Amino acid sequence: MRYIFSSLSLCVVSAASALAGQFDRPIPQAQSATAEFWYALACLSLIAAMVAVQWLVSRR
């Protein structure tokens, strides 16, 4: 019985030190001009790929 209480107190002490801190919500950053350029390029590439697929499928 004595060992149960000592192990229980050890668990309580170790759990108290493992408590998590408060969550800080991340602040979104502004989008840079470089990111906007690559996003525009990706959008145009996607549209070009969709047009190419439509062209290939319609030829059959």
PDB file of N, CA and C in Angstrom:
ATOM      1  N   MET A   1       0.820  -1.195   0.000  1.00  0.00           N
ATOM      2  CA  MET A   1       0.000   0.000   0.000  1.00  0.00           C
ATOM      3  C   MET A   1       0.862   1.256   0.000  1.00  0.00           C
ATOM      4  N   ARG A   2       1.970   1.162   0.724  1.00  0.00           N
ATOM      5  CA  ARG A   2       2.875   2.292   0.821  1.00  0.00           C
ATOM      6  C   ARG A   2       3.492   2.599  -0.547  1.00  0.00           C
ATOM      7  N   TYR A   3       3.746   1.549  -1.338  1.00  0.00           N
ATOM      8  CA  TYR A   3       4.337   1.744  -2.672  1.00  0.00           C
ATOM      9  C   TYR A   3       3.348   2.377  -3.647  1.00  0.00           C
ATOM     10  N   ILE A   4       2.074   2.074  -3.457  1.00  0.00           N
ATOM     11  CA  ILE A   4       1.055   2.660  -4.333  1.00  0.00           C
ATOM     12  C   ILE A   4       0.997   4.166  -4.133  1.00  0.00           C
ATOM     13  N   PHE A   5       1.008   4.623  -2.892  1.00  0.00           N
ATOM     14  CA  PHE A   5       0.951   6.061  -2.623  1.00  0.00           C
ATOM     15  C   PHE A   5       2.218   6.779  -3.094  1.00  0.00           C
ATOM     16  N   SER A   6       3.345   6.136  -2.936  1.00  0.00           N
ATOM     17  CA  SER A   6       4.581   6.784  -3.381  1.00  0.00           C
ATOM     18  C   SER A   6       4.628   6.861  -4.908  1.00  0.00           C
ATOM     19  N   SER A   7       4.169   5.827  -5.606  1.00  0.00           N
ATOM     20  CA  SER A   7       4.152   5.876  -7.071  1.00  0.00           C
ATOM     21  C   SER A   7       3.080   6.857  -7.562  1.00  0.00           C
ATOM     22  N   LEU A   8       1.961   6.944  -6.833  1.00  0.00           N
ATOM     23  CA  LEU A   8       0.909   7.894  -7.195  1.00  0.00           C
ATOM     24  C   LEU A   8       1.401   9.331  -7.022  1.00  0.00           C
ATOM     25  N   SER A   9       2.121   9.605  -5.963  1.00  0.00           N
ATOM     26  CA  SER A   9       2.644  10.958  -5.767  1.00  0.00           C
ATOM     27  C   SER A   9       3.715  11.273  -6.813  1.00  0.00           C
ATOM     28  N   LEU A  10       4.493  10.288  -7.211  1.00  0.00           N
ATOM     29  CA  LEU A  10       5.478  10.490  -8.274  1.00  0.00           C
ATOM     30  C   LEU A  10       4.781  10.811  -9.591  1.00  0.00           C
ATOM     31  N   CYS A  11       3.681  10.131  -9.892  1.00  0.00           N
ATOM     32  CA  CYS A  11       2.924  10.406 -11.123  1.00  0.00           C
ATOM     33  C   CYS A  11       2.327  11.816 -11.099  1.00  0.00           C
ATOM     34  N   VAL A  12       1.824  12.245  -9.953  1.00  0.00           N
ATOM     35  CA  VAL A  12       1.230  13.575  -9.843  1.00  0.00           C
ATOM     36  C   VAL A  12       2.301  14.651 -10.035  1.00  0.00           C
ATOM     37  N   VAL A  13       3.456  14.475  -9.462  1.00  0.00           N
ATOM     38  CA  VAL A  13       4.529  15.454  -9.581  1.00  0.00           C
ATOM     39  C   VAL A  13       5.039  15.519 -11.017  1.00  0.00           C
ATOM     40  N   SER A  14       5.200  14.374 -11.654  1.00  0.00           N
ATOM     41  CA  SER A  14       5.702  14.379 -13.026  1.00  0.00           C
ATOM     42  C   SER A  14       4.654  14.909 -13.995  1.00  0.00           C
ATOM     43  N   ALA A  15       3.378  14.681 -13.748  1.00  0.00           N
ATOM     44  CA  ALA A  15       2.329  15.197 -14.623  1.00  0.00           C
ATOM     45  C   ALA A  15       2.197  16.714 -14.487  1.00  0.00           C
ATOM     46  N   ALA A  16       2.422  17.237 -13.310  1.00  0.00           N
ATOM     47  CA  ALA A  16       2.318  18.675 -13.102  1.00  0.00           C
ATOM     48  C   ALA A  16       3.413  19.417 -13.871  1.00  0.00           C
ATOM     49  N   SER A  17       4.560  18.806 -14.012  1.00  0.00           N
ATOM     50  CA  SER A  17       5.643  19.478 -14.737  1.00  0.00           C
ATOM     51  C   SER A  17       5.477  19.338 -16.251  1.00  0.00           C
ATOM     52  N   ALA A  18       4.597  18.449 -16.696  1.00  0.00           N
ATOM     53  CA  ALA A  18       4.408  18.223 -18.126  1.00  0.00           C
ATOM     54  C   ALA A  18       3.207  18.995 -18.685  1.00  0.00           C
ATOM     55  N   LEU A  19       2.627  19.887 -17.920  1.00  0.00           N
ATOM     56  CA  LEU A  19       1.474  20.636 -18.409  1.00  0.00           C
ATOM     57  C   LEU A  19       1.887  21.564 -19.544  1.00  0.00           C
ATOM     58  N   ALA A  20       1.035  21.675 -20.515  1.00  0.00           N
ATOM     59  CA  ALA A  20       1.345  22.498 -21.692  1.00  0.00           C
ATOM     60  C   ALA A  20       1.088  23.969 -21.385  1.00  0.00           C
ATOM     61  N   GLY A  21       1.797  24.805 -22.125  1.00  0.00           N
ATOM     62  CA  GLY A  21       1.605  26.246 -21.983  1.00  0.00           C
ATOM     63  C   GLY A  21       0.399  26.714 -22.782  1.00  0.00           C
ATOM     64  N   GLN A  22       0.097  27.960 -22.685  1.00  0.00           N
ATOM     65  CA  GLN A  22      -1.051  28.522 -23.388  1.00  0.00           C
ATOM     66  C   GLN A  22      -0.763  28.592 -24.885  1.00  0.00           C
ATOM     67  N   PHE A  23      -1.776  28.304 -25.687  1.00  0.00           N
ATOM     68  CA  PHE A  23      -1.632  28.318 -27.138  1.00  0.00           C
ATOM     69  C   PHE A  23      -1.681  29.745 -27.646  1.00  0.00           C
ATOM     70  N   ASP A  24      -0.680  30.125 -28.431  1.00  0.00           N
ATOM     71  CA  ASP A  24      -0.657  31.441 -29.068  1.00  0.00           C
ATOM     72  C   ASP A  24      -1.002  31.269 -30.532  1.00  0.00           C
ATOM     73  N   ARG A  25      -2.106  31.870 -30.949  1.00  0.00           N
ATOM     74  CA  ARG A  25      -2.558  31.747 -32.335  1.00  0.00           C
ATOM     75  C   ARG A  25      -1.560  32.435 -33.265  1.00  0.00           C
ATOM     76  N   PRO A  26      -1.163  31.752 -34.367  1.00  0.00           N
ATOM     77  CA  PRO A  26      -0.217  32.382 -35.289  1.00  0.00           C
ATOM     78  C   PRO A  26      -0.850  33.542 -36.040  1.00  0.00           C
ATOM     79  N   ILE A  27      -0.058  34.552 -36.297  1.00  0.00           N
ATOM     80  CA  ILE A  27      -0.532  35.736 -37.017  1.00  0.00           C
ATOM     81  C   ILE A  27      -0.197  35.546 -38.495  1.00  0.00           C
ATOM     82  N   PRO A  28      -1.193  35.601 -39.384  1.00  0.00           N
ATOM     83  CA  PRO A  28      -0.885  35.417 -40.805  1.00  0.00           C
ATOM     84  C   PRO A  28      -0.061  36.570 -41.355  1.00  0.00           C
ATOM     85  N   GLN A  29       0.877  36.220 -42.210  1.00  0.00           N
ATOM     86  CA  GLN A  29       1.750  37.217 -42.811  1.00  0.00           C
ATOM     87  C   GLN A  29       1.182  37.655 -44.162  1.00  0.00           C
ATOM     88  N   ALA A  30       1.545  38.840 -44.593  1.00  0.00           N
ATOM     89  CA  ALA A  30       1.106  39.344 -45.886  1.00  0.00           C
ATOM     90  C   ALA A  30       1.791  38.551 -46.997  1.00  0.00           C
ATOM     91  N   GLN A  31       1.094  38.403 -48.117  1.00  0.00           N
ATOM     92  CA  GLN A  31       1.645  37.661 -49.241  1.00  0.00           C
ATOM     93  C   GLN A  31       2.639  38.533 -49.995  1.00  0.00           C
ATOM     94  N   SER A  32       3.779  37.979 -50.323  1.00  0.00           N
ATOM     95  CA  SER A  32       4.821  38.754 -51.000  1.00  0.00           C
ATOM     96  C   SER A  32       4.564  38.786 -52.509  1.00  0.00           C
ATOM     97  N   ALA A  33       5.248  39.685 -53.190  1.00  0.00           N
ATOM     98  CA  ALA A  33       5.112  39.792 -54.641  1.00  0.00           C
ATOM     99  C   ALA A  33       5.652  38.551 -55.335  1.00  0.00           C
ATOM    100  N   THR A  34       6.673  37.946 -54.773  1.00  0.00           N
ATOM    101  CA  THR A  34       7.223  36.718 -55.354  1.00  0.00           C
ATOM    102  C   THR A  34       6.206  35.586 -55.276  1.00  0.00           C
ATOM    103  N   ALA A  35       5.532  35.474 -54.142  1.00  0.00           N
ATOM    104  CA  ALA A  35       4.522  34.433 -53.992  1.00  0.00           C
ATOM    105  C   ALA A  35       3.356  34.664 -54.948  1.00  0.00           C
ATOM    106  N   GLU A  36       2.976  35.905 -55.134  1.00  0.00           N
ATOM    107  CA  GLU A  36       1.900  36.199 -56.089  1.00  0.00           C
ATOM    108  C   GLU A  36       2.306  35.845 -57.514  1.00  0.00           C
ATOM    109  N   PHE A  37       3.562  36.092 -57.869  1.00  0.00           N
ATOM    110  CA  PHE A  37       4.049  35.745 -59.204  1.00  0.00           C
ATOM    111  C   PHE A  37       3.987  34.240 -59.434  1.00  0.00           C
ATOM    112  N   TRP A  38       4.481  33.462 -58.480  1.00  0.00           N
ATOM    113  CA  TRP A  38       4.483  32.009 -58.650  1.00  0.00           C
ATOM    114  C   TRP A  38       3.063  31.450 -58.643  1.00  0.00           C
ATOM    115  N   TYR A  39       2.170  32.054 -57.881  1.00  0.00           N
ATOM    116  CA  TYR A  39       0.778  31.609 -57.880  1.00  0.00           C
ATOM    117  C   TYR A  39       0.132  31.881 -59.239  1.00  0.00           C
ATOM    118  N   ALA A  40       0.405  33.048 -59.820  1.00  0.00           N
ATOM    119  CA  ALA A  40      -0.131  33.369 -61.140  1.00  0.00           C
ATOM    120  C   ALA A  40       0.426  32.427 -62.193  1.00  0.00           C
ATOM    121  N   LEU A  41       1.715  32.127 -62.109  1.00  0.00           N
ATOM    122  CA  LEU A  41       2.330  31.201 -63.049  1.00  0.00           C
ATOM    123  C   LEU A  41       1.732  29.796 -62.917  1.00  0.00           C
ATOM    124  N   ALA A  42       1.475  29.372 -61.693  1.00  0.00           N
ATOM    125  CA  ALA A  42       0.865  28.059 -61.479  1.00  0.00           C
ATOM    126  C   ALA A  42      -0.557  28.018 -62.025  1.00  0.00           C
ATOM    127  N   CYS A  43      -1.305  29.103 -61.864  1.00  0.00           N
ATOM    128  CA  CYS A  43      -2.671  29.159 -62.395  1.00  0.00           C
ATOM    129  C   CYS A  43      -2.674  29.086 -63.913  1.00  0.00           C
ATOM    130  N   LEU A  44      -1.775  29.826 -64.539  1.00  0.00           N
ATOM    131  CA  LEU A  44      -1.692  29.796 -66.000  1.00  0.00           C
ATOM    132  C   LEU A  44      -1.244  28.428 -66.506  1.00  0.00           C
ATOM    133  N   SER A  45      -0.335  27.778 -65.784  1.00  0.00           N
ATOM    134  CA  SER A  45       0.105  26.437 -66.168  1.00  0.00           C
ATOM    135  C   SER A  45      -1.028  25.430 -66.047  1.00  0.00           C
ATOM    136  N   LEU A  46      -1.836  25.564 -65.018  1.00  0.00           N
ATOM    137  CA  LEU A  46      -2.969  24.669 -64.844  1.00  0.00           C
ATOM    138  C   LEU A  46      -3.981  24.847 -65.972  1.00  0.00           C
ATOM    139  N   ILE A  47      -4.256  26.082 -66.324  1.00  0.00           N
ATOM    140  CA  ILE A  47      -5.193  26.349 -67.421  1.00  0.00           C
ATOM    141  C   ILE A  47      -4.642  25.795 -68.730  1.00  0.00           C
ATOM    142  N   ALA A  48      -3.339  25.976 -68.981  1.00  0.00           N
ATOM    143  CA  ALA A  48      -2.717  25.440 -70.197  1.00  0.00           C
ATOM    144  C   ALA A  48      -2.788  23.917 -70.220  1.00  0.00           C
ATOM    145  N   ALA A  49      -2.587  23.280 -69.094  1.00  0.00           N
ATOM    146  CA  ALA A  49      -2.675  21.820 -69.032  1.00  0.00           C
ATOM    147  C   ALA A  49      -4.101  21.348 -69.288  1.00  0.00           C
ATOM    148  N   MET A  50      -5.093  22.059 -68.764  1.00  0.00           N
ATOM    149  CA  MET A  50      -6.487  21.682 -68.992  1.00  0.00           C
ATOM    150  C   MET A  50      -6.867  21.859 -70.463  1.00  0.00           C
ATOM    151  N   VAL A  51      -6.369  22.912 -71.091  1.00  0.00           N
ATOM    152  CA  VAL A  51      -6.630  23.124 -72.518  1.00  0.00           C
ATOM    153  C   VAL A  51      -5.974  22.018 -73.336  1.00  0.00           C
ATOM    154  N   ALA A  52      -4.755  21.634 -72.973  1.00  0.00           N
ATOM    155  CA  ALA A  52      -4.059  20.569 -73.698  1.00  0.00           C
ATOM    156  C   ALA A  52      -4.794  19.236 -73.562  1.00  0.00           C
ATOM    157  N   VAL A  53      -5.285  18.939 -72.401  1.00  0.00           N
ATOM    158  CA  VAL A  53      -6.036  17.700 -72.197  1.00  0.00           C
ATOM    159  C   VAL A  53      -7.321  17.735 -73.009  1.00  0.00           C
ATOM    160  N   GLN A  54      -8.017  18.842 -73.001  1.00  0.00           N
ATOM    161  CA  GLN A  54      -9.249  18.955 -73.787  1.00  0.00           C
ATOM    162  C   GLN A  54      -8.956  18.790 -75.276  1.00  0.00           C
ATOM    163  N   TRP A  55      -7.871  19.364 -75.737  1.00  0.00           N
ATOM    164  CA  TRP A  55      -7.497  19.254 -77.146  1.00  0.00           C
ATOM    165  C   TRP A  55      -7.165  17.817 -77.514  1.00  0.00           C
ATOM    166  N   LEU A  56      -6.422  17.123 -76.633  1.00  0.00           N
ATOM    167  CA  LEU A  56      -6.078  15.722 -76.899  1.00  0.00           C
ATOM    168  C   LEU A  56      -7.305  14.813 -76.869  1.00  0.00           C
ATOM    169  N   VAL A  57      -8.209  15.056 -75.951  1.00  0.00           N
ATOM    170  CA  VAL A  57      -9.397  14.194 -75.834  1.00  0.00           C
ATOM    171  C   VAL A  57     -10.344  14.440 -76.989  1.00  0.00           C
ATOM    172  N   SER A  58     -10.470  15.679 -77.431  1.00  0.00           N
ATOM    173  CA  SER A  58     -11.427  15.973 -78.503  1.00  0.00           C
ATOM    174  C   SER A  58     -10.943  15.455 -79.854  1.00  0.00           C
ATOM    175  N   ARG A  59      -9.670  15.151 -80.030  1.00  0.00           N
ATOM    176  CA  ARG A  59      -9.158  14.633 -81.283  1.00  0.00           C
ATOM    177  C   ARG A  59      -9.525  13.188 -81.483  1.00  0.00           C
ATOM    178  N   ARG A  60      -9.893  12.470 -80.464  1.00  0.00           N
ATOM    179  CA  ARG A  60     -10.220  11.040 -80.589  1.00  0.00           C
ATOM    180  C   ARG A  60     -11.556  10.837 -81.155  1.00  0.00           C
TER     181      ARG A  60
END
